Amino acid sequence: MKERQVQDGEKQAAKDALTGYLRDHGVDQYCLELLWRTVIAFQNYPFTTCGRGTRPGIEFRYTVSVDVGRSGKRYQGTCVDGYGNELFIPASNEPR
C-alpha cells in the first residue's frame, strides 16, 4: 500500500481545522472532508484502546486506502483527492 508520511504540524493543523469548523458551523460536506483529512493525517499513529478492568489497552494503527482510479473498489461518500475512502485496521497490528 502506498504511504505518505504526514508531519506533526499537518496533524495539528488538521485537528485544529476540524474542531474549529465543528464549533462554528456543525456538520456539512466541508466538515466531512475535514474529518477525512484529519483521519488521513493520523494514519500510522500509535493509538491505544482504553482497555477493560485490569486489562490494559491494545495498541493499534490504521491506514487509509489510496485512490486506485476506475479499477478499484469505491464507496460513495466524501473522500480526499489521492485517497480512497476506506480505513484499514489490521488484526493484531500485523502489516498488510
PDB file of N, CA and C in Angstrom:
ATOM      1  N   MET A   1       0.838  -1.169   0.000  1.00  0.00           N
ATOM      2  CA  MET A   1       0.000   0.000   0.000  1.00  0.00           C
ATOM      3  C   MET A   1       0.887   1.238   0.000  1.00  0.00           C
ATOM      4  N   LYS A   2       0.583   2.180  -0.867  1.00  0.00           N
ATOM      5  CA  LYS A   2       1.333   3.429  -0.945  1.00  0.00           C
ATOM      6  C   LYS A   2       1.122   4.222   0.343  1.00  0.00           C
ATOM      7  N   GLU A   3       2.176   4.801   0.852  1.00  0.00           N
ATOM      8  CA  GLU A   3       2.073   5.513   2.118  1.00  0.00           C
ATOM      9  C   GLU A   3       2.751   6.862   2.010  1.00  0.00           C
ATOM     10  N   ARG A   4       2.115   7.903   2.533  1.00  0.00           N
ATOM     11  CA  ARG A   4       2.692   9.239   2.558  1.00  0.00           C
ATOM     12  C   ARG A   4       2.838   9.637   4.013  1.00  0.00           C
ATOM     13  N   GLN A   5       4.037  10.033   4.399  1.00  0.00           N
ATOM     14  CA  GLN A   5       4.271  10.446   5.775  1.00  0.00           C
ATOM     15  C   GLN A   5       3.711  11.849   5.989  1.00  0.00           C
ATOM     16  N   VAL A   6       3.024  12.050   7.085  1.00  0.00           N
ATOM     17  CA  VAL A   6       2.453  13.344   7.427  1.00  0.00           C
ATOM     18  C   VAL A   6       3.221  13.896   8.617  1.00  0.00           C
ATOM     19  N   GLN A   7       3.609  15.148   8.509  1.00  0.00           N
ATOM     20  CA  GLN A   7       4.390  15.799   9.557  1.00  0.00           C
ATOM     21  C   GLN A   7       3.484  16.178  10.734  1.00  0.00           C
ATOM     22  N   ASP A   8       4.089  16.327  11.920  1.00  0.00           N
ATOM     23  CA  ASP A   8       3.324  16.672  13.120  1.00  0.00           C
ATOM     24  C   ASP A   8       2.547  17.975  12.948  1.00  0.00           C
ATOM     25  N   GLY A   9       3.121  18.951  12.257  1.00  0.00           N
ATOM     26  CA  GLY A   9       2.425  20.219  12.024  1.00  0.00           C
ATOM     27  C   GLY A   9       1.158  20.030  11.221  1.00  0.00           C
ATOM     28  N   GLU A  10       1.186  19.101  10.261  1.00  0.00           N
ATOM     29  CA  GLU A  10      -0.007  18.808   9.463  1.00  0.00           C
ATOM     30  C   GLU A  10      -1.087  18.164  10.322  1.00  0.00           C
ATOM     31  N   LYS A  11      -0.670  17.301  11.254  1.00  0.00           N
ATOM     32  CA  LYS A  11      -1.627  16.661  12.156  1.00  0.00           C
ATOM     33  C   LYS A  11      -2.324  17.707  13.013  1.00  0.00           C
ATOM     34  N   GLN A  12      -1.555  18.610  13.592  1.00  0.00           N
ATOM     35  CA  GLN A  12      -2.128  19.643  14.448  1.00  0.00           C
ATOM     36  C   GLN A  12      -3.028  20.569  13.639  1.00  0.00           C
ATOM     37  N   ALA A  13      -2.599  20.934  12.435  1.00  0.00           N
ATOM     38  CA  ALA A  13      -3.407  21.812  11.581  1.00  0.00           C
ATOM     39  C   ALA A  13      -4.726  21.145  11.204  1.00  0.00           C
ATOM     40  N   ALA A  14      -4.683  19.838  10.895  1.00  0.00           N
ATOM     41  CA  ALA A  14      -5.905  19.106  10.534  1.00  0.00           C
ATOM     42  C   ALA A  14      -6.857  19.061  11.720  1.00  0.00           C
ATOM     43  N   LYS A  15      -6.333  18.769  12.896  1.00  0.00           N
ATOM     44  CA  LYS A  15      -7.161  18.705  14.102  1.00  0.00           C
ATOM     45  C   LYS A  15      -7.762  20.065  14.417  1.00  0.00           C
ATOM     46  N   ASP A  16      -6.958  21.125  14.339  1.00  0.00           N
ATOM     47  CA  ASP A  16      -7.443  22.470  14.640  1.00  0.00           C
ATOM     48  C   ASP A  16      -8.514  22.917  13.647  1.00  0.00           C
ATOM     49  N   ALA A  17      -8.309  22.617  12.357  1.00  0.00           N
ATOM     50  CA  ALA A  17      -9.288  22.997  11.344  1.00  0.00           C
ATOM     51  C   ALA A  17     -10.624  22.303  11.586  1.00  0.00           C
ATOM     52  N   LEU A  18     -10.575  21.023  11.896  1.00  0.00           N
ATOM     53  CA  LEU A  18     -11.801  20.263  12.124  1.00  0.00           C
ATOM     54  C   LEU A  18     -12.531  20.744  13.377  1.00  0.00           C
ATOM     55  N   THR A  19     -11.835  20.858  14.480  1.00  0.00           N
ATOM     56  CA  THR A  19     -12.509  21.262  15.718  1.00  0.00           C
ATOM     57  C   THR A  19     -13.053  22.691  15.610  1.00  0.00           C
ATOM     58  N   GLY A  20     -12.301  23.566  14.966  1.00  0.00           N
ATOM     59  CA  GLY A  20     -12.777  24.937  14.787  1.00  0.00           C
ATOM     60  C   GLY A  20     -14.018  25.004  13.912  1.00  0.00           C
ATOM     61  N   TYR A  21     -14.014  24.253  12.837  1.00  0.00           N
ATOM     62  CA  TYR A  21     -15.166  24.263  11.930  1.00  0.00           C
ATOM     63  C   TYR A  21     -16.400  23.667  12.606  1.00  0.00           C
ATOM     64  N   LEU A  22     -16.223  22.558  13.311  1.00  0.00           N
ATOM     65  CA  LEU A  22     -17.351  21.954  14.027  1.00  0.00           C
ATOM     66  C   LEU A  22     -17.934  22.921  15.047  1.00  0.00           C
ATOM     67  N   ARG A  23     -17.061  23.613  15.746  1.00  0.00           N
ATOM     68  CA  ARG A  23     -17.515  24.565  16.760  1.00  0.00           C
ATOM     69  C   ARG A  23     -18.342  25.682  16.117  1.00  0.00           C
ATOM     70  N   ASP A  24     -17.911  26.150  14.941  1.00  0.00           N
ATOM     71  CA  ASP A  24     -18.545  27.306  14.312  1.00  0.00           C
ATOM     72  C   ASP A  24     -19.723  26.968  13.399  1.00  0.00           C
ATOM     73  N   HIS A  25     -19.706  25.774  12.755  1.00  0.00           N
ATOM     74  CA  HIS A  25     -20.682  25.515  11.696  1.00  0.00           C
ATOM     75  C   HIS A  25     -21.480  24.222  11.840  1.00  0.00           C
ATOM     76  N   GLY A  26     -21.056  23.279  12.636  1.00  0.00           N
ATOM     77  CA  GLY A  26     -21.725  21.990  12.672  1.00  0.00           C
ATOM     78  C   GLY A  26     -21.257  21.117  11.520  1.00  0.00           C
ATOM     79  N   VAL A  27     -22.010  20.075  11.191  1.00  0.00           N
ATOM     80  CA  VAL A  27     -21.594  19.099  10.184  1.00  0.00           C
ATOM     81  C   VAL A  27     -22.196  19.437   8.822  1.00  0.00           C
ATOM     82  N   ASP A  28     -21.359  19.501   7.788  1.00  0.00           N
ATOM     83  CA  ASP A  28     -21.801  19.648   6.405  1.00  0.00           C
ATOM     84  C   ASP A  28     -20.759  18.985   5.509  1.00  0.00           C
ATOM     85  N   GLN A  29     -20.853  19.154   4.211  1.00  0.00           N
ATOM     86  CA  GLN A  29     -19.943  18.492   3.271  1.00  0.00           C
ATOM     87  C   GLN A  29     -18.481  18.875   3.526  1.00  0.00           C
ATOM     88  N   TYR A  30     -18.214  20.139   3.771  1.00  0.00           N
ATOM     89  CA  TYR A  30     -16.842  20.580   4.042  1.00  0.00           C
ATOM     90  C   TYR A  30     -16.329  19.938   5.327  1.00  0.00           C
ATOM     91  N   CYS A  31     -17.197  19.816   6.307  1.00  0.00           N
ATOM     92  CA  CYS A  31     -16.823  19.186   7.572  1.00  0.00           C
ATOM     93  C   CYS A  31     -16.419  17.733   7.348  1.00  0.00           C
ATOM     94  N   LEU A  32     -17.157  17.018   6.499  1.00  0.00           N
ATOM     95  CA  LEU A  32     -16.819  15.630   6.220  1.00  0.00           C
ATOM     96  C   LEU A  32     -15.437  15.522   5.568  1.00  0.00           C
ATOM     97  N   GLU A  33     -15.107  16.462   4.686  1.00  0.00           N
ATOM     98  CA  GLU A  33     -13.773  16.453   4.080  1.00  0.00           C
ATOM     99  C   GLU A  33     -12.708  16.744   5.129  1.00  0.00           C
ATOM    100  N   LEU A  34     -12.963  17.688   6.016  1.00  0.00           N
ATOM    101  CA  LEU A  34     -12.008  17.967   7.098  1.00  0.00           C
ATOM    102  C   LEU A  34     -11.810  16.739   7.976  1.00  0.00           C
ATOM    103  N   LEU A  35     -12.905  16.024   8.241  1.00  0.00           N
ATOM    104  CA  LEU A  35     -12.801  14.805   9.038  1.00  0.00           C
ATOM    105  C   LEU A  35     -11.883  13.799   8.348  1.00  0.00           C
ATOM    106  N   TRP A  36     -12.084  13.565   7.039  1.00  0.00           N
ATOM    107  CA  TRP A  36     -11.214  12.626   6.318  1.00  0.00           C
ATOM    108  C   TRP A  36      -9.770  13.099   6.316  1.00  0.00           C
ATOM    109  N   ARG A  37      -9.547  14.410   6.155  1.00  0.00           N
ATOM    110  CA  ARG A  37      -8.164  14.925   6.178  1.00  0.00           C
ATOM    111  C   ARG A  37      -7.519  14.669   7.536  1.00  0.00           C
ATOM    112  N   THR A  38      -8.296  14.797   8.606  1.00  0.00           N
ATOM    113  CA  THR A  38      -7.771  14.527   9.944  1.00  0.00           C
ATOM    114  C   THR A  38      -7.480  13.044  10.115  1.00  0.00           C
ATOM    115  N   VAL A  39      -8.377  12.182   9.637  1.00  0.00           N
ATOM    116  CA  VAL A  39      -8.157  10.730   9.691  1.00  0.00           C
ATOM    117  C   VAL A  39      -6.890  10.374   8.918  1.00  0.00           C
ATOM    118  N   ILE A  40      -6.708  10.969   7.740  1.00  0.00           N
ATOM    119  CA  ILE A  40      -5.512  10.718   6.920  1.00  0.00           C
ATOM    120  C   ILE A  40      -4.257  11.191   7.651  1.00  0.00           C
ATOM    121  N   ALA A  41      -4.333  12.360   8.275  1.00  0.00           N
ATOM    122  CA  ALA A  41      -3.162  12.913   8.964  1.00  0.00           C
ATOM    123  C   ALA A  41      -2.682  12.011  10.094  1.00  0.00           C
ATOM    124  N   PHE A  42      -3.594  11.279  10.726  1.00  0.00           N
ATOM    125  CA  PHE A  42      -3.226  10.440  11.856  1.00  0.00           C
ATOM    126  C   PHE A  42      -3.025   8.969  11.505  1.00  0.00           C
ATOM    127  N   GLN A  43      -3.017   8.618  10.200  1.00  0.00           N
ATOM    128  CA  GLN A  43      -2.779   7.213   9.875  1.00  0.00           C
ATOM    129  C   GLN A  43      -1.361   6.836  10.298  1.00  0.00           C
ATOM    130  N   ASN A  44      -1.202   5.622  10.738  1.00  0.00           N
ATOM    131  CA  ASN A  44       0.043   5.054  11.270  1.00  0.00           C
ATOM    132  C   ASN A  44       0.442   5.617  12.630  1.00  0.00           C
ATOM    133  N   TYR A  45      -0.387   6.449  13.233  1.00  0.00           N
ATOM    134  CA  TYR A  45      -0.136   6.950  14.574  1.00  0.00           C
ATOM    135  C   TYR A  45      -0.465   5.828  15.564  1.00  0.00           C
ATOM    136  N   PRO A  46       0.343   5.638  16.607  1.00  0.00           N
ATOM    137  CA  PRO A  46       0.075   4.544  17.553  1.00  0.00           C
ATOM    138  C   PRO A  46      -1.024   4.904  18.562  1.00  0.00           C
ATOM    139  N   PHE A  47      -2.247   4.486  18.291  1.00  0.00           N
ATOM    140  CA  PHE A  47      -3.366   4.662  19.212  1.00  0.00           C
ATOM    141  C   PHE A  47      -3.407   3.479  20.178  1.00  0.00           C
ATOM    142  N   THR A  48      -4.100   3.650  21.302  1.00  0.00           N
ATOM    143  CA  THR A  48      -4.285   2.561  22.261  1.00  0.00           C
ATOM    144  C   THR A  48      -5.746   2.543  22.680  1.00  0.00           C
ATOM    145  N   THR A  49      -6.343   1.341  22.670  1.00  0.00           N
ATOM    146  CA  THR A  49      -7.712   1.220  23.163  1.00  0.00           C
ATOM    147  C   THR A  49      -7.724   1.490  24.661  1.00  0.00           C
ATOM    148  N   CYS A  50      -8.897   1.716  25.227  1.00  0.00           N
ATOM    149  CA  CYS A  50      -8.968   2.086  26.642  1.00  0.00           C
ATOM    150  C   CYS A  50      -8.792   0.901  27.585  1.00  0.00           C
ATOM    151  N   GLY A  51      -8.839  -0.318  27.091  1.00  0.00           N
ATOM    152  CA  GLY A  51      -8.712  -1.479  27.971  1.00  0.00           C
ATOM    153  C   GLY A  51     -10.017  -1.753  28.684  1.00  0.00           C
ATOM    154  N   ARG A  52      -9.980  -2.745  29.567  1.00  0.00           N
ATOM    155  CA  ARG A  52     -11.200  -3.113  30.293  1.00  0.00           C
ATOM    156  C   ARG A  52     -10.814  -3.684  31.646  1.00  0.00           C
ATOM    157  N   GLY A  53     -11.324  -3.073  32.698  1.00  0.00           N
ATOM    158  CA  GLY A  53     -10.994  -3.542  34.041  1.00  0.00           C
ATOM    159  C   GLY A  53      -9.496  -3.446  34.274  1.00  0.00           C
ATOM    160  N   THR A  54      -8.886  -4.576  34.621  1.00  0.00           N
ATOM    161  CA  THR A  54      -7.439  -4.593  34.872  1.00  0.00           C
ATOM    162  C   THR A  54      -6.641  -4.872  33.601  1.00  0.00           C
ATOM    163  N   ARG A  55      -7.341  -5.160  32.506  1.00  0.00           N
ATOM    164  CA  ARG A  55      -6.642  -5.456  31.252  1.00  0.00           C
ATOM    165  C   ARG A  55      -6.228  -4.160  30.570  1.00  0.00           C
ATOM    166  N   PRO A  56      -4.976  -4.063  30.185  1.00  0.00           N
ATOM    167  CA  PRO A  56      -4.514  -2.839  29.520  1.00  0.00           C
ATOM    168  C   PRO A  56      -5.076  -2.734  28.104  1.00  0.00           C
ATOM    169  N   GLY A  57      -5.018  -1.539  27.573  1.00  0.00           N
ATOM    170  CA  GLY A  57      -5.459  -1.326  26.199  1.00  0.00           C
ATOM    171  C   GLY A  57      -4.488  -1.951  25.204  1.00  0.00           C
ATOM    172  N   ILE A  58      -4.948  -2.087  23.976  1.00  0.00           N
ATOM    173  CA  ILE A  58      -4.143  -2.677  22.911  1.00  0.00           C
ATOM    174  C   ILE A  58      -3.743  -1.571  21.939  1.00  0.00           C
ATOM    175  N   GLU A  59      -2.469  -1.534  21.598  1.00  0.00           N
ATOM    176  CA  GLU A  59      -2.007  -0.543  20.628  1.00  0.00           C
ATOM    177  C   GLU A  59      -2.440  -0.965  19.229  1.00  0.00           C
ATOM    178  N   PHE A  60      -2.854   0.015  18.429  1.00  0.00           N
ATOM    179  CA  PHE A  60      -3.198  -0.260  17.038  1.00  0.00           C
ATOM    180  C   PHE A  60      -2.865   0.953  16.185  1.00  0.00           C
ATOM    181  N   ARG A  61      -2.743   0.715  14.916  1.00  0.00           N
ATOM    182  CA  ARG A  61      -2.525   1.757  13.912  1.00  0.00           C
ATOM    183  C   ARG A  61      -3.474   1.467  12.760  1.00  0.00           C
ATOM    184  N   TYR A  62      -3.753   2.460  11.957  1.00  0.00           N
ATOM    185  CA  TYR A  62      -4.595   2.237  10.791  1.00  0.00           C
ATOM    186  C   TYR A  62      -3.994   2.933   9.580  1.00  0.00           C
ATOM    187  N   THR A  63      -4.453   2.554   8.409  1.00  0.00           N
ATOM    188  CA  THR A  63      -4.078   3.223   7.169  1.00  0.00           C
ATOM    189  C   THR A  63      -5.350   3.531   6.392  1.00  0.00           C
ATOM    190  N   VAL A  64      -5.237   4.487   5.491  1.00  0.00           N
ATOM    191  CA  VAL A  64      -6.348   4.863   4.621  1.00  0.00           C
ATOM    192  C   VAL A  64      -5.973   4.452   3.211  1.00  0.00           C
ATOM    193  N   SER A  65      -6.923   3.841   2.503  1.00  0.00           N
ATOM    194  CA  SER A  65      -6.635   3.381   1.147  1.00  0.00           C
ATOM    195  C   SER A  65      -6.282   4.562   0.245  1.00  0.00           C
ATOM    196  N   VAL A  66      -5.434   4.285  -0.735  1.00  0.00           N
ATOM    197  CA  VAL A  66      -5.115   5.296  -1.736  1.00  0.00           C
ATOM    198  C   VAL A  66      -6.088   5.143  -2.891  1.00  0.00           C
ATOM    199  N   ASP A  67      -6.323   6.228  -3.590  1.00  0.00           N
ATOM    200  CA  ASP A  67      -7.248   6.220  -4.721  1.00  0.00           C
ATOM    201  C   ASP A  67      -6.673   5.350  -5.823  1.00  0.00           C
ATOM    202  N   VAL A  68      -7.430   4.355  -6.238  1.00  0.00           N
ATOM    203  CA  VAL A  68      -6.952   3.430  -7.260  1.00  0.00           C
ATOM    204  C   VAL A  68      -7.597   3.707  -8.613  1.00  0.00           C
ATOM    205  N   GLY A  69      -8.275   4.822  -8.733  1.00  0.00           N
ATOM    206  CA  GLY A  69      -8.891   5.176 -10.001  1.00  0.00           C
ATOM    207  C   GLY A  69     -10.101   4.318 -10.308  1.00  0.00           C
ATOM    208  N   ARG A  70     -10.321   4.069 -11.569  1.00  0.00           N
ATOM    209  CA  ARG A  70     -11.518   3.353 -12.009  1.00  0.00           C
ATOM    210  C   ARG A  70     -11.447   1.857 -11.756  1.00  0.00           C
ATOM    211  N   SER A  71     -10.256   1.328 -11.498  1.00  0.00           N
ATOM    212  CA  SER A  71     -10.119  -0.122 -11.419  1.00  0.00           C
ATOM    213  C   SER A  71     -10.438  -0.704 -10.043  1.00  0.00           C
ATOM    214  N   GLY A  72     -10.440   0.098  -9.014  1.00  0.00           N
ATOM    215  CA  GLY A  72     -10.617  -0.447  -7.670  1.00  0.00           C
ATOM    216  C   GLY A  72     -12.007  -0.255  -7.115  1.00  0.00           C
ATOM    217  N   LYS A  73     -12.214  -0.797  -5.945  1.00  0.00           N
ATOM    218  CA  LYS A  73     -13.486  -0.682  -5.241  1.00  0.00           C
ATOM    219  C   LYS A  73     -13.634   0.740  -4.740  1.00  0.00           C
ATOM    220  N   ARG A  74     -14.772   1.334  -4.966  1.00  0.00           N
ATOM    221  CA  ARG A  74     -15.044   2.689  -4.472  1.00  0.00           C
ATOM    222  C   ARG A  74     -16.371   2.690  -3.756  1.00  0.00           C
ATOM    223  N   TYR A  75     -16.430   3.402  -2.681  1.00  0.00           N
ATOM    224  CA  TYR A  75     -17.671   3.565  -1.954  1.00  0.00           C
ATOM    225  C   TYR A  75     -18.114   5.000  -2.127  1.00  0.00           C
ATOM    226  N   GLN A  76     -19.411   5.204  -2.098  1.00  0.00           N
ATOM    227  CA  GLN A  76     -19.915   6.563  -2.225  1.00  0.00           C
ATOM    228  C   GLN A  76     -19.596   7.323  -0.955  1.00  0.00           C
ATOM    229  N   GLY A  77     -19.532   8.618  -1.091  1.00  0.00           N
ATOM    230  CA  GLY A  77     -19.296   9.454   0.075  1.00  0.00           C
ATOM    231  C   GLY A  77     -18.115  10.371  -0.139  1.00  0.00           C
ATOM    232  N   THR A  78     -17.880  11.171   0.837  1.00  0.00           N
ATOM    233  CA  THR A  78     -16.813  12.156   0.778  1.00  0.00           C
ATOM    234  C   THR A  78     -15.463  11.472   0.838  1.00  0.00           C
ATOM    235  N   CYS A  79     -14.522  11.946   0.019  1.00  0.00           N
ATOM    236  CA  CYS A  79     -13.147  11.471   0.111  1.00  0.00           C
ATOM    237  C   CYS A  79     -12.225  12.621  -0.238  1.00  0.00           C
ATOM    238  N   VAL A  80     -10.955  12.441  -0.027  1.00  0.00           N
ATOM    239  CA  VAL A  80      -9.934  13.439  -0.286  1.00  0.00           C
ATOM    240  C   VAL A  80      -9.156  12.998  -1.520  1.00  0.00           C
ATOM    241  N   ASP A  81      -8.869  13.933  -2.432  1.00  0.00           N
ATOM    242  CA  ASP A  81      -8.125  13.595  -3.649  1.00  0.00           C
ATOM    243  C   ASP A  81      -6.858  12.827  -3.307  1.00  0.00           C
ATOM    244  N   GLY A  82      -6.641  11.735  -4.024  1.00  0.00           N
ATOM    245  CA  GLY A  82      -5.458  10.916  -3.812  1.00  0.00           C
ATOM    246  C   GLY A  82      -5.666   9.763  -2.847  1.00  0.00           C
ATOM    247  N   TYR A  83      -6.796   9.755  -2.166  1.00  0.00           N
ATOM    248  CA  TYR A  83      -7.097   8.694  -1.212  1.00  0.00           C
ATOM    249  C   TYR A  83      -8.457   8.094  -1.537  1.00  0.00           C
ATOM    250  N   GLY A  84      -8.624   6.820  -1.198  1.00  0.00           N
ATOM    251  CA  GLY A  84      -9.948   6.211  -1.263  1.00  0.00           C
ATOM    252  C   GLY A  84     -10.654   6.554   0.026  1.00  0.00           C
ATOM    253  N   ASN A  85     -11.808   5.999   0.230  1.00  0.00           N
ATOM    254  CA  ASN A  85     -12.474   6.274   1.500  1.00  0.00           C
ATOM    255  C   ASN A  85     -12.707   4.981   2.264  1.00  0.00           C
ATOM    256  N   GLU A  86     -11.607   4.230   2.424  1.00  0.00           N
ATOM    257  CA  GLU A  86     -11.618   3.013   3.230  1.00  0.00           C
ATOM    258  C   GLU A  86     -10.554   3.141   4.308  1.00  0.00           C
ATOM    259  N   LEU A  87     -10.875   2.691   5.492  1.00  0.00           N
ATOM    260  CA  LEU A  87      -9.968   2.712   6.625  1.00  0.00           C
ATOM    261  C   LEU A  87      -9.595   1.271   6.936  1.00  0.00           C
ATOM    262  N   PHE A  88      -8.296   0.962   6.968  1.00  0.00           N
ATOM    263  CA  PHE A  88      -7.823  -0.392   7.241  1.00  0.00           C
ATOM    264  C   PHE A  88      -7.206  -0.453   8.628  1.00  0.00           C
ATOM    265  N   ILE A  89      -7.725  -1.334   9.483  1.00  0.00           N
ATOM    266  CA  ILE A  89      -7.150  -1.569  10.801  1.00  0.00           C
ATOM    267  C   ILE A  89      -6.759  -3.048  10.828  1.00  0.00           C
ATOM    268  N   PRO A  90      -5.469  -3.352  10.673  1.00  0.00           N
ATOM    269  CA  PRO A  90      -5.045  -4.756  10.639  1.00  0.00           C
ATOM    270  C   PRO A  90      -5.248  -5.448  11.985  1.00  0.00           C
ATOM    271  N   ALA A  91      -5.613  -6.713  11.940  1.00  0.00           N
ATOM    272  CA  ALA A  91      -5.765  -7.504  13.160  1.00  0.00           C
ATOM    273  C   ALA A  91      -4.393  -7.750  13.784  1.00  0.00           C
ATOM    274  N   SER A  92      -4.315  -7.684  15.086  1.00  0.00           N
ATOM    275  CA  SER A  92      -3.085  -7.950  15.840  1.00  0.00           C
ATOM    276  C   SER A  92      -1.910  -7.091  15.401  1.00  0.00           C
ATOM    277  N   ASN A  93      -2.210  -5.917  14.838  1.00  0.00           N
ATOM    278  CA  ASN A  93      -1.159  -4.982  14.424  1.00  0.00           C
ATOM    279  C   ASN A  93      -0.189  -5.569  13.422  1.00  0.00           C
ATOM    280  N   GLU A  94      -0.616  -6.568  12.654  1.00  0.00           N
ATOM    281  CA  GLU A  94       0.237  -7.170  11.634  1.00  0.00           C
ATOM    282  C   GLU A  94       0.150  -6.352  10.370  1.00  0.00           C
ATOM    283  N   PRO A  95       1.300  -6.100   9.706  1.00  0.00           N
ATOM    284  CA  PRO A  95       1.259  -5.311   8.470  1.00  0.00           C
ATOM    285  C   PRO A  95       0.508  -6.038   7.367  1.00  0.00           C
ATOM    286  N   ARG A  96      -0.142  -5.271   6.512  1.00  0.00           N
ATOM    287  CA  ARG A  96      -0.835  -5.848   5.364  1.00  0.00           C
ATOM    288  C   ARG A  96      -0.091  -5.539   4.112  1.00  0.00           C
TER     289      ARG A  96
END
